[in-house]
Amino acid sequence: MNLKSIIETILFVRAEPTDLKTITAITAEGEQTVRAALAELVKEYSERGIALLEKDDSWQFASS
């Protein structure tokens, strides 16, 4: 499973916003690598009617 898929799974399964520290711990990847994957996901999901939102270094999916 690639990193973006793992991050998607984490965010869809959790009911609350998930902080970057938790995502990096679960994925065992560095902060910059996770941030890059999140940036790609933001772009991909913006074209699907689902928003990947970031606030105070926590991430969550929402309908747009």
C-alpha atoms as a PDB file:
ATOM      1  CA  MET A   1       0.000   0.000   0.000  1.00  0.00           C
ATOM      2  CA  ASN A   2       1.440   3.406  -0.913  1.00  0.00           C
ATOM      3  CA  LEU A   3       1.712   6.315   1.491  1.00  0.00           C
ATOM      4  CA  LYS A   4      -1.234   8.278   0.077  1.00  0.00           C
ATOM      5  CA  SER A   5      -3.492   5.226   0.422  1.00  0.00           C
ATOM      6  CA  ILE A   6      -2.394   4.730   4.020  1.00  0.00           C
ATOM      7  CA  ILE A   7      -3.082   8.382   4.841  1.00  0.00           C
ATOM      8  CA  GLU A   8      -6.503   8.193   3.173  1.00  0.00           C
ATOM      9  CA  THR A   9      -7.342   5.139   5.266  1.00  0.00           C
ATOM     10  CA  ILE A  10      -6.242   6.820   8.483  1.00  0.00           C
ATOM     11  CA  LEU A  11      -8.326   9.920   7.782  1.00  0.00           C
ATOM     12  CA  PHE A  12     -11.444   8.058   6.637  1.00  0.00           C
ATOM     13  CA  VAL A  13     -11.424   5.687   9.614  1.00  0.00           C
ATOM     14  CA  ARG A  14     -10.914   8.321  12.293  1.00  0.00           C
ATOM     15  CA  ALA A  15     -13.988  10.364  13.174  1.00  0.00           C
ATOM     16  CA  GLU A  16     -12.041  13.419  14.325  1.00  0.00           C
ATOM     17  CA  PRO A  17      -9.271  15.548  12.804  1.00  0.00           C
ATOM     18  CA  THR A  18      -5.918  13.774  12.929  1.00  0.00           C
ATOM     19  CA  ASP A  19      -2.769  15.691  13.754  1.00  0.00           C
ATOM     20  CA  LEU A  20       0.362  15.456  11.653  1.00  0.00           C
ATOM     21  CA  LYS A  21       2.311  13.875  14.514  1.00  0.00           C
ATOM     22  CA  THR A  22      -0.159  10.970  14.642  1.00  0.00           C
ATOM     23  CA  ILE A  23      -0.073  10.481  10.870  1.00  0.00           C
ATOM     24  CA  THR A  24       3.737  10.421  10.824  1.00  0.00           C
ATOM     25  CA  ALA A  25       3.805   7.965  13.748  1.00  0.00           C
ATOM     26  CA  ILE A  26       1.335   5.573  12.110  1.00  0.00           C
ATOM     27  CA  THR A  27       2.993   5.709   8.701  1.00  0.00           C
ATOM     28  CA  ALA A  28       6.569   5.694  10.058  1.00  0.00           C
ATOM     29  CA  GLU A  29       7.430   8.386   7.498  1.00  0.00           C
ATOM     30  CA  GLY A  30       9.069  11.766   7.996  1.00  0.00           C
ATOM     31  CA  GLU A  31       7.080  14.953   8.371  1.00  0.00           C
ATOM     32  CA  GLN A  32       8.151  16.366   4.990  1.00  0.00           C
ATOM     33  CA  THR A  33       7.204  13.138   3.202  1.00  0.00           C
ATOM     34  CA  VAL A  34       3.777  13.088   4.856  1.00  0.00           C
ATOM     35  CA  ARG A  35       3.224  16.786   4.113  1.00  0.00           C
ATOM     36  CA  ALA A  36       4.055  16.165   0.442  1.00  0.00           C
ATOM     37  CA  ALA A  37       1.601  13.261   0.271  1.00  0.00           C
ATOM     38  CA  LEU A  38      -1.088  15.363   1.969  1.00  0.00           C
ATOM     39  CA  ALA A  39      -0.518  18.176  -0.535  1.00  0.00           C
ATOM     40  CA  GLU A  40      -1.015  15.710  -3.393  1.00  0.00           C
ATOM     41  CA  LEU A  41      -4.197  14.404  -1.771  1.00  0.00           C
ATOM     42  CA  VAL A  42      -5.554  17.944  -1.341  1.00  0.00           C
ATOM     43  CA  LYS A  43      -5.140  18.505  -5.065  1.00  0.00           C
ATOM     44  CA  GLU A  44      -6.599  15.130  -6.053  1.00  0.00           C
ATOM     45  CA  TYR A  45      -9.644  15.433  -3.812  1.00  0.00           C
ATOM     46  CA  SER A  46     -10.405  19.033  -4.780  1.00  0.00           C
ATOM     47  CA  GLU A  47     -11.533  17.659  -8.144  1.00  0.00           C
ATOM     48  CA  ARG A  48     -13.850  15.027  -6.561  1.00  0.00           C
ATOM     49  CA  GLY A  49     -16.229  17.056  -4.389  1.00  0.00           C
ATOM     50  CA  ILE A  50     -14.440  16.070  -1.199  1.00  0.00           C
ATOM     51  CA  ALA A  51     -12.173  18.484   0.626  1.00  0.00           C
ATOM     52  CA  LEU A  52      -9.110  17.529   2.626  1.00  0.00           C
ATOM     53  CA  LEU A  53      -8.898  20.269   5.229  1.00  0.00           C
ATOM     54  CA  GLU A  54      -6.016  21.305   7.468  1.00  0.00           C
ATOM     55  CA  LYS A  55      -6.396  23.391  10.604  1.00  0.00           C
ATOM     56  CA  ASP A  56      -3.813  23.774  13.363  1.00  0.00           C
ATOM     57  CA  ASP A  57      -1.710  20.963  11.842  1.00  0.00           C
ATOM     58  CA  SER A  58      -4.639  18.503  11.968  1.00  0.00           C
ATOM     59  CA  TRP A  59      -6.249  16.958   8.883  1.00  0.00           C
ATOM     60  CA  GLN A  60      -9.774  15.819   8.079  1.00  0.00           C
ATOM     61  CA  PHE A  61     -11.931  14.964   5.078  1.00  0.00           C
ATOM     62  CA  ALA A  62     -15.146  16.935   4.551  1.00  0.00           C
ATOM     63  CA  SER A  63     -17.718  17.243   1.804  1.00  0.00           C
ATOM     64  CA  SER A  64     -17.298  20.352  -0.282  1.00  0.00           C
END
